[in-house]
Amino acid sequence: MIIAAAVMSPELDAVIPETLEEAAGLLLVETDDMSISKFEDSRWVSEMIDQDCEAILCGQMYDPQLFEAIAGACITRYFAAGMTVRDAVNAMNAYRLDIIRDYVNGPGCSGEDHNTSEEPCDCHCGHE
């Protein structure tokens, strides 16, 4: 499975910053063997779509348009700020990461803030 990690440098030991917008680029990683597929510094969403990326490991998301583009492409958003890419992949595989359900100060489900909630979104608003 290919995942993306929002990082400052193209290394598996790079730390994921507190916000997605702070990242210098996306590290695309094949989780089966932890090989680096690519480091993308500009076309984030289109590159994730082209690579058939299933998830992004990142910090909080503030940009509504970027969040909607990623969510609209059915790419799961996992909160992994402060973790290395390697540790975040292991945590994701162990189901220990929270899903980012909305951008910061976004409407969320029924207007609630679900940024890193473990509660499922059952309001059919389109955010997983």
C-alpha atoms as a PDB file:
ATOM      1  CA  MET A   1       0.000   0.000   0.000  1.00  0.00           C
ATOM      2  CA  ILE A   2       1.270   3.475  -0.849  1.00  0.00           C
ATOM      3  CA  ILE A   3       0.875   6.166   1.808  1.00  0.00           C
ATOM      4  CA  ALA A   4       1.993   9.785   1.908  1.00  0.00           C
ATOM      5  CA  ALA A   5       3.693  11.470   4.833  1.00  0.00           C
ATOM      6  CA  ALA A   6       3.877  15.252   5.110  1.00  0.00           C
ATOM      7  CA  VAL A   7       7.502  15.927   6.058  1.00  0.00           C
ATOM      8  CA  MET A   8      10.323  18.451   5.949  1.00  0.00           C
ATOM      9  CA  SER A   9      12.833  16.072   4.317  1.00  0.00           C
ATOM     10  CA  PRO A  10      12.691  12.872   2.216  1.00  0.00           C
ATOM     11  CA  GLU A  11      13.669  10.350   4.912  1.00  0.00           C
ATOM     12  CA  LEU A  12      11.839   7.621   6.821  1.00  0.00           C
ATOM     13  CA  ASP A  13      13.193   9.116  10.051  1.00  0.00           C
ATOM     14  CA  ALA A  14      11.880  12.601   9.209  1.00  0.00           C
ATOM     15  CA  VAL A  15       9.474  13.977  11.812  1.00  0.00           C
ATOM     16  CA  ILE A  16       5.969  14.912  10.709  1.00  0.00           C
ATOM     17  CA  PRO A  17       5.359  18.614  11.575  1.00  0.00           C
ATOM     18  CA  GLU A  18       2.475  19.927  13.704  1.00  0.00           C
ATOM     19  CA  THR A  19       0.537  21.142  10.655  1.00  0.00           C
ATOM     20  CA  LEU A  20       0.236  19.878   7.110  1.00  0.00           C
ATOM     21  CA  GLU A  21       0.969  23.349   5.793  1.00  0.00           C
ATOM     22  CA  GLU A  22       4.406  23.396   7.489  1.00  0.00           C
ATOM     23  CA  ALA A  23       5.599  20.382   5.483  1.00  0.00           C
ATOM     24  CA  ALA A  24       8.103  20.886   2.680  1.00  0.00           C
ATOM     25  CA  GLY A  25       6.655  17.981   0.737  1.00  0.00           C
ATOM     26  CA  LEU A  26       5.135  14.546   0.706  1.00  0.00           C
ATOM     27  CA  LEU A  27       7.140  11.398   1.097  1.00  0.00           C
ATOM     28  CA  LEU A  28       5.398   8.568  -0.750  1.00  0.00           C
ATOM     29  CA  VAL A  29       6.161   5.234   0.883  1.00  0.00           C
ATOM     30  CA  GLU A  30       5.357   1.629  -0.024  1.00  0.00           C
ATOM     31  CA  THR A  31       4.367   0.207   3.367  1.00  0.00           C
ATOM     32  CA  ASP A  32       5.003  -3.438   2.407  1.00  0.00           C
ATOM     33  CA  ASP A  33       8.766  -2.926   2.391  1.00  0.00           C
ATOM     34  CA  MET A  34       9.072   0.681   3.651  1.00  0.00           C
ATOM     35  CA  SER A  35      10.693   1.761   0.404  1.00  0.00           C
ATOM     36  CA  ILE A  36      10.495   5.399  -0.613  1.00  0.00           C
ATOM     37  CA  SER A  37       8.595   5.752  -3.841  1.00  0.00           C
ATOM     38  CA  LYS A  38       8.953   9.502  -4.317  1.00  0.00           C
ATOM     39  CA  PHE A  39       9.302  12.889  -2.624  1.00  0.00           C
ATOM     40  CA  GLU A  40       6.842  15.412  -4.053  1.00  0.00           C
ATOM     41  CA  ASP A  41       7.187  19.091  -3.225  1.00  0.00           C
ATOM     42  CA  SER A  42       4.442  20.697  -5.295  1.00  0.00           C
ATOM     43  CA  ARG A  43       1.605  18.632  -6.794  1.00  0.00           C
ATOM     44  CA  TRP A  44       0.514  16.958  -3.570  1.00  0.00           C
ATOM     45  CA  VAL A  45      -3.052  15.924  -4.270  1.00  0.00           C
ATOM     46  CA  SER A  46      -2.581  14.977  -7.918  1.00  0.00           C
ATOM     47  CA  GLU A  47       0.538  12.964  -7.049  1.00  0.00           C
ATOM     48  CA  MET A  48      -1.319  11.087  -4.283  1.00  0.00           C
ATOM     49  CA  ILE A  49      -4.098  10.307  -6.769  1.00  0.00           C
ATOM     50  CA  ASP A  50      -1.614   9.262  -9.479  1.00  0.00           C
ATOM     51  CA  GLN A  51       0.176   6.951  -7.034  1.00  0.00           C
ATOM     52  CA  ASP A  52      -3.147   5.480  -5.782  1.00  0.00           C
ATOM     53  CA  CYS A  53      -2.232   6.626  -2.293  1.00  0.00           C
ATOM     54  CA  GLU A  54      -4.547   5.306   0.428  1.00  0.00           C
ATOM     55  CA  ALA A  55      -3.632   7.591   3.334  1.00  0.00           C
ATOM     56  CA  ILE A  56      -1.715  10.651   4.400  1.00  0.00           C
ATOM     57  CA  LEU A  57       0.157  10.923   7.701  1.00  0.00           C
ATOM     58  CA  CYS A  58       0.246  14.547   8.772  1.00  0.00           C
ATOM     59  CA  GLY A  59      -0.372  17.185  11.397  1.00  0.00           C
ATOM     60  CA  GLN A  60      -3.485  19.314  11.757  1.00  0.00           C
ATOM     61  CA  MET A  61      -4.917  20.698   8.539  1.00  0.00           C
ATOM     62  CA  TYR A  62      -5.825  24.405   8.293  1.00  0.00           C
ATOM     63  CA  ASP A  63      -6.354  24.871   4.543  1.00  0.00           C
ATOM     64  CA  PRO A  64     -10.017  24.063   3.724  1.00  0.00           C
ATOM     65  CA  GLN A  65      -9.388  23.640   0.000  1.00  0.00           C
ATOM     66  CA  LEU A  66      -6.451  21.294   0.531  1.00  0.00           C
ATOM     67  CA  PHE A  67      -8.403  19.276   3.102  1.00  0.00           C
ATOM     68  CA  GLU A  68     -11.421  18.990   0.768  1.00  0.00           C
ATOM     69  CA  ALA A  69      -9.231  17.970  -2.180  1.00  0.00           C
ATOM     70  CA  ILE A  70      -7.587  15.194  -0.137  1.00  0.00           C
ATOM     71  CA  ALA A  71     -10.861  14.028   1.434  1.00  0.00           C
ATOM     72  CA  GLY A  72     -12.616  14.258  -1.942  1.00  0.00           C
ATOM     73  CA  ALA A  73     -10.016  11.887  -3.395  1.00  0.00           C
ATOM     74  CA  CYS A  74     -10.972   9.359  -0.662  1.00  0.00           C
ATOM     75  CA  ILE A  75      -7.523   9.562   0.938  1.00  0.00           C
ATOM     76  CA  THR A  76      -7.695   8.838   4.659  1.00  0.00           C
ATOM     77  CA  ARG A  77      -6.080  11.501   6.841  1.00  0.00           C
ATOM     78  CA  TYR A  78      -4.217  10.283   9.945  1.00  0.00           C
ATOM     79  CA  PHE A  79      -2.912  12.587  12.672  1.00  0.00           C
ATOM     80  CA  ALA A  80       0.772  11.740  13.200  1.00  0.00           C
ATOM     81  CA  ALA A  81       2.411  15.057  14.163  1.00  0.00           C
ATOM     82  CA  GLY A  82       5.647  14.656  16.113  1.00  0.00           C
ATOM     83  CA  MET A  83       6.228  11.083  14.925  1.00  0.00           C
ATOM     84  CA  THR A  84       8.787   9.858  12.426  1.00  0.00           C
ATOM     85  CA  VAL A  85       7.415   8.449   9.193  1.00  0.00           C
ATOM     86  CA  ARG A  86       8.571   4.968  10.208  1.00  0.00           C
ATOM     87  CA  ASP A  87       6.862   5.190  13.631  1.00  0.00           C
ATOM     88  CA  ALA A  88       3.706   6.687  12.115  1.00  0.00           C
ATOM     89  CA  VAL A  89       3.406   3.850   9.576  1.00  0.00           C
ATOM     90  CA  ASN A  90       3.777   1.304  12.379  1.00  0.00           C
ATOM     91  CA  ALA A  91       1.163   3.128  14.466  1.00  0.00           C
ATOM     92  CA  MET A  92      -1.200   3.333  11.481  1.00  0.00           C
ATOM     93  CA  ASN A  93      -0.840  -0.380  10.823  1.00  0.00           C
ATOM     94  CA  ALA A  94      -1.618  -1.044  14.503  1.00  0.00           C
ATOM     95  CA  TYR A  95      -4.744   1.199  14.315  1.00  0.00           C
ATOM     96  CA  ARG A  96      -3.323   3.639  16.875  1.00  0.00           C
ATOM     97  CA  LEU A  97      -3.667   6.877  14.900  1.00  0.00           C
ATOM     98  CA  ASP A  98      -6.668   9.170  14.984  1.00  0.00           C
ATOM     99  CA  ILE A  99      -8.389  10.104  11.754  1.00  0.00           C
ATOM    100  CA  ILE A 100      -8.464  13.790  10.874  1.00  0.00           C
ATOM    101  CA  ARG A 101     -12.143  14.330  10.168  1.00  0.00           C
ATOM    102  CA  ASP A 102     -12.060  18.024   9.276  1.00  0.00           C
ATOM    103  CA  TYR A 103      -9.735  20.977   8.885  1.00  0.00           C
ATOM    104  CA  VAL A 104      -9.144  23.152  11.953  1.00  0.00           C
ATOM    105  CA  ASN A 105     -12.217  25.342  12.595  1.00  0.00           C
ATOM    106  CA  GLY A 106     -14.098  23.523   9.845  1.00  0.00           C
ATOM    107  CA  PRO A 107     -17.792  22.666  10.083  1.00  0.00           C
ATOM    108  CA  GLY A 108     -17.197  19.005  10.978  1.00  0.00           C
ATOM    109  CA  CYS A 109     -20.160  16.718  11.388  1.00  0.00           C
ATOM    110  CA  SER A 110     -23.160  18.735  12.519  1.00  0.00           C
ATOM    111  CA  GLY A 111     -20.834  21.684  13.176  1.00  0.00           C
ATOM    112  CA  GLU A 112     -18.783  19.839  15.790  1.00  0.00           C
ATOM    113  CA  ASP A 113     -14.984  19.791  15.816  1.00  0.00           C
ATOM    114  CA  HIS A 114     -13.910  16.272  14.831  1.00  0.00           C
ATOM    115  CA  ASN A 115     -10.271  16.940  13.967  1.00  0.00           C
ATOM    116  CA  THR A 116      -8.827  13.977  15.848  1.00  0.00           C
ATOM    117  CA  SER A 117     -11.883  12.401  17.420  1.00  0.00           C
ATOM    118  CA  GLU A 118     -12.115   8.640  17.616  1.00  0.00           C
ATOM    119  CA  GLU A 119     -15.892   8.897  17.283  1.00  0.00           C
ATOM    120  CA  PRO A 120     -17.202   7.766  13.889  1.00  0.00           C
ATOM    121  CA  CYS A 121     -18.788  10.380  11.704  1.00  0.00           C
ATOM    122  CA  ASP A 122     -22.305   9.133  11.094  1.00  0.00           C
ATOM    123  CA  CYS A 123     -23.956  12.293   9.834  1.00  0.00           C
ATOM    124  CA  HIS A 124     -23.377  11.460   6.137  1.00  0.00           C
ATOM    125  CA  CYS A 125     -21.517  14.715   5.559  1.00  0.00           C
ATOM    126  CA  GLY A 126     -18.954  13.038   3.328  1.00  0.00           C
ATOM    127  CA  HIS A 127     -16.056  13.132   5.824  1.00  0.00           C
ATOM    128  CA  GLU A 128     -14.717   9.786   6.882  1.00  0.00           C
END
